[in-house]
C-alpha atoms as a PDB file:
ATOM      1  CA  MET A   1      -9.296  10.219 -13.255  1.00  0.00           C
ATOM      2  CA  HIS A   2      -8.582   9.685  -9.489  1.00  0.00           C
ATOM      3  CA  GLN A   3      -5.190  10.944  -8.688  1.00  0.00           C
ATOM      4  CA  TYR A   4      -2.907  11.841  -5.816  1.00  0.00           C
ATOM      5  CA  VAL A   5      -0.834  14.941  -6.585  1.00  0.00           C
ATOM      6  CA  VAL A   6       2.192  16.299  -4.754  1.00  0.00           C
ATOM      7  CA  ASP A   7       2.653  19.852  -6.338  1.00  0.00           C
ATOM      8  CA  GLU A   8       4.577  23.051  -5.748  1.00  0.00           C
ATOM      9  CA  LEU A   9       7.904  21.224  -6.009  1.00  0.00           C
ATOM     10  CA  LYS A  10      11.047  23.104  -6.684  1.00  0.00           C
ATOM     11  CA  GLY A  11      13.635  22.025  -9.332  1.00  0.00           C
ATOM     12  CA  ASN A  12      15.996  20.347  -6.912  1.00  0.00           C
ATOM     13  CA  GLU A  13      13.123  18.504  -5.268  1.00  0.00           C
ATOM     14  CA  ILE A  14      12.019  17.242  -8.685  1.00  0.00           C
ATOM     15  CA  GLU A  15      15.552  15.970  -9.356  1.00  0.00           C
ATOM     16  CA  ARG A  16      15.480  13.958  -6.150  1.00  0.00           C
ATOM     17  CA  VAL A  17      12.023  12.562  -6.959  1.00  0.00           C
ATOM     18  CA  PHE A  18      13.393  11.465 -10.283  1.00  0.00           C
ATOM     19  CA  ALA A  19      16.308   9.731  -8.704  1.00  0.00           C
ATOM     20  CA  TYR A  20      14.028   7.928  -6.207  1.00  0.00           C
ATOM     21  CA  LEU A  21      11.674   6.746  -8.902  1.00  0.00           C
ATOM     22  CA  GLU A  22      14.487   5.609 -11.244  1.00  0.00           C
ATOM     23  CA  LYS A  23      15.654   3.253  -8.554  1.00  0.00           C
ATOM     24  CA  SER A  24      12.273   2.249  -7.282  1.00  0.00           C
ATOM     25  CA  CYS A  25       9.995   1.897 -10.399  1.00  0.00           C
ATOM     26  CA  GLN A  26      10.075   0.925 -13.993  1.00  0.00           C
ATOM     27  CA  LYS A  27      10.768   3.768 -16.376  1.00  0.00           C
ATOM     28  CA  SER A  28       8.159   3.967 -19.162  1.00  0.00           C
ATOM     29  CA  ALA A  29       8.833   4.443 -22.837  1.00  0.00           C
ATOM     30  CA  ILE A  30       7.144   7.843 -22.411  1.00  0.00           C
ATOM     31  CA  ASP A  31       9.375  10.572 -20.901  1.00  0.00           C
ATOM     32  CA  ASN A  32       8.615  11.488 -17.285  1.00  0.00           C
ATOM     33  CA  LEU A  33       6.283   8.458 -16.754  1.00  0.00           C
ATOM     34  CA  PHE A  34       7.097   5.666 -14.402  1.00  0.00           C
ATOM     35  CA  TRP A  35       5.334   2.364 -13.433  1.00  0.00           C
ATOM     36  CA  LEU A  36       4.877   1.188  -9.891  1.00  0.00           C
ATOM     37  CA  GLU A  37       4.212  -2.504  -9.773  1.00  0.00           C
ATOM     38  CA  LEU A  38       1.690  -3.734  -7.157  1.00  0.00           C
ATOM     39  CA  PRO A  39       2.638  -6.959  -5.247  1.00  0.00           C
ATOM     40  CA  ASP A  40       0.552 -10.017  -5.884  1.00  0.00           C
ATOM     41  CA  ASP A  41      -0.613 -10.111  -2.349  1.00  0.00           C
ATOM     42  CA  ILE A  42      -2.789  -6.893  -2.657  1.00  0.00           C
ATOM     43  CA  LEU A  43      -4.313  -7.755  -6.035  1.00  0.00           C
ATOM     44  CA  THR A  44      -8.114  -7.916  -6.087  1.00  0.00           C
ATOM     45  CA  PRO A  45      -9.550 -11.372  -6.694  1.00  0.00           C
ATOM     46  CA  ILE A  46     -10.191 -10.717 -10.342  1.00  0.00           C
ATOM     47  CA  GLN A  47      -6.687  -9.267 -10.908  1.00  0.00           C
ATOM     48  CA  TYR A  48      -5.176 -12.239  -9.203  1.00  0.00           C
ATOM     49  CA  GLU A  49      -7.099 -14.544 -11.448  1.00  0.00           C
ATOM     50  CA  HIS A  50      -6.022 -12.658 -14.617  1.00  0.00           C
ATOM     51  CA  ARG A  51      -2.454 -14.116 -14.621  1.00  0.00           C
ATOM     52  CA  ASP A  52      -2.180 -13.070 -18.396  1.00  0.00           C
ATOM     53  CA  CYS A  53      -2.756  -9.521 -17.591  1.00  0.00           C
ATOM     54  CA  ARG A  54       0.084  -9.235 -15.054  1.00  0.00           C
ATOM     55  CA  PRO A  55       1.914  -7.149 -14.010  1.00  0.00           C
ATOM     56  CA  PHE A  56      -0.498  -4.638 -12.564  1.00  0.00           C
ATOM     57  CA  CYS A  57       0.859  -1.119 -12.108  1.00  0.00           C
ATOM     58  CA  ILE A  58      -0.108   2.536 -11.450  1.00  0.00           C
ATOM     59  CA  GLY A  59       1.273   5.250 -13.556  1.00  0.00           C
ATOM     60  CA  ILE A  60       3.427   8.058 -11.979  1.00  0.00           C
ATOM     61  CA  GLU A  61       3.960  11.300 -13.942  1.00  0.00           C
ATOM     62  CA  VAL A  62       6.625  13.866 -13.142  1.00  0.00           C
ATOM     63  CA  THR A  63       6.261  17.317 -14.468  1.00  0.00           C
ATOM     64  CA  GLU A  64       8.440  20.459 -13.808  1.00  0.00           C
ATOM     65  CA  ASP A  65       6.778  21.045 -10.421  1.00  0.00           C
ATOM     66  CA  LYS A  66       4.577  18.097  -9.370  1.00  0.00           C
ATOM     67  CA  VAL A  67       4.249  14.357  -9.300  1.00  0.00           C
ATOM     68  CA  VAL A  68       0.954  12.752 -10.135  1.00  0.00           C
ATOM     69  CA  PHE A  69       0.094   9.221  -8.920  1.00  0.00           C
ATOM     70  CA  GLU A  70      -2.814   7.598 -10.717  1.00  0.00           C
ATOM     71  CA  MET A  71      -5.152   5.596  -8.669  1.00  0.00           C
ATOM     72  CA  LEU A  72      -6.130   3.413 -11.606  1.00  0.00           C
ATOM     73  CA  VAL A  73      -4.514  -0.027 -11.507  1.00  0.00           C
ATOM     74  CA  ARG A  74      -3.606  -0.962 -15.011  1.00  0.00           C
ATOM     75  CA  SER A  75      -2.444  -3.983 -16.760  1.00  0.00           C
ATOM     76  CA  ARG A  76       0.917  -3.713 -18.362  1.00  0.00           C
ATOM     77  CA  LYS A  77      -0.143  -6.205 -21.102  1.00  0.00           C
ATOM     78  CA  LYS A  78      -3.710  -5.138 -21.897  1.00  0.00           C
ATOM     79  CA  LEU A  79      -5.417  -1.898 -22.458  1.00  0.00           C
ATOM     80  CA  ARG A  80      -8.979  -3.119 -21.845  1.00  0.00           C
ATOM     81  CA  CYS A  81     -10.015  -5.847 -19.388  1.00  0.00           C
ATOM     82  CA  ASN A  82     -12.528  -5.958 -16.432  1.00  0.00           C
ATOM     83  CA  CYS A  83      -9.595  -6.495 -14.126  1.00  0.00           C
ATOM     84  CA  ILE A  84      -8.389  -2.855 -14.707  1.00  0.00           C
ATOM     85  CA  ALA A  85     -10.026  -0.828 -11.925  1.00  0.00           C
ATOM     86  CA  TYR A  86      -9.473   1.951  -9.525  1.00  0.00           C
ATOM     87  CA  ALA A  87      -7.276   1.031  -6.581  1.00  0.00           C
ATOM     88  CA  SER A  88      -8.892  -0.899  -3.772  1.00  0.00           C
ATOM     89  CA  THR A  89      -8.574   0.337  -0.124  1.00  0.00           C
ATOM     90  CA  GLN A  90      -5.473  -1.910   0.346  1.00  0.00           C
ATOM     91  CA  GLN A  91      -3.951  -0.814  -3.038  1.00  0.00           C
ATOM     92  CA  ARG A  92      -4.543   2.815  -2.143  1.00  0.00           C
ATOM     93  CA  GLN A  93      -2.712   2.322   1.202  1.00  0.00           C
ATOM     94  CA  PHE A  94       0.233   0.713  -0.676  1.00  0.00           C
ATOM     95  CA  ILE A  95       0.327   3.757  -2.987  1.00  0.00           C
ATOM     96  CA  LEU A  96       0.103   6.289  -0.321  1.00  0.00           C
ATOM     97  CA  ASN A  97       2.813   4.344   1.735  1.00  0.00           C
ATOM     98  CA  PHE A  98       5.050   4.577  -1.437  1.00  0.00           C
ATOM     99  CA  VAL A  99       4.399   8.378  -1.595  1.00  0.00           C
ATOM    100  CA  ASP A 100       5.352   8.846   1.991  1.00  0.00           C
ATOM    101  CA  ALA A 101       8.520   6.872   1.449  1.00  0.00           C
ATOM    102  CA  LEU A 102       9.443   8.892  -1.704  1.00  0.00           C
ATOM    103  CA  LEU A 103       8.840  12.198   0.177  1.00  0.00           C
ATOM    104  CA  LYS A 104      10.995  11.111   3.161  1.00  0.00           C
ATOM    105  CA  GLU A 105      13.821   9.693   1.207  1.00  0.00           C
ATOM    106  CA  SER A 106      13.820  12.777  -1.147  1.00  0.00           C
ATOM    107  CA  ASP A 107      13.782  15.042   1.828  1.00  0.00           C
ATOM    108  CA  ILE A 108      10.644  16.801   0.781  1.00  0.00           C
ATOM    109  CA  LYS A 109       8.687  18.468   3.539  1.00  0.00           C
ATOM    110  CA  ALA A 110       4.994  18.263   2.318  1.00  0.00           C
END
């Protein structure tokens, strides 16, 4: 799995990360998992065509000392489809910009 990981976080930093994710993402039914929805204007052509598979998201998992950002763009409606793929260059940049904003807003010096 392709991932971007921010690790070696302290308890108070994890609390601030949680607060940021709770206001910026959708909380999953699974504890400590969030969904970051990708905007339509950065979807790949096949993802854009697959309206019935939308929304497209990446998973963000929070553990006791790290935050893991998946680089797999998933459909929230289907488990298997050819529109599910690793992030394109533009999508990766969107994810990394989100990570940068999270770290800045959470006052985490990486």
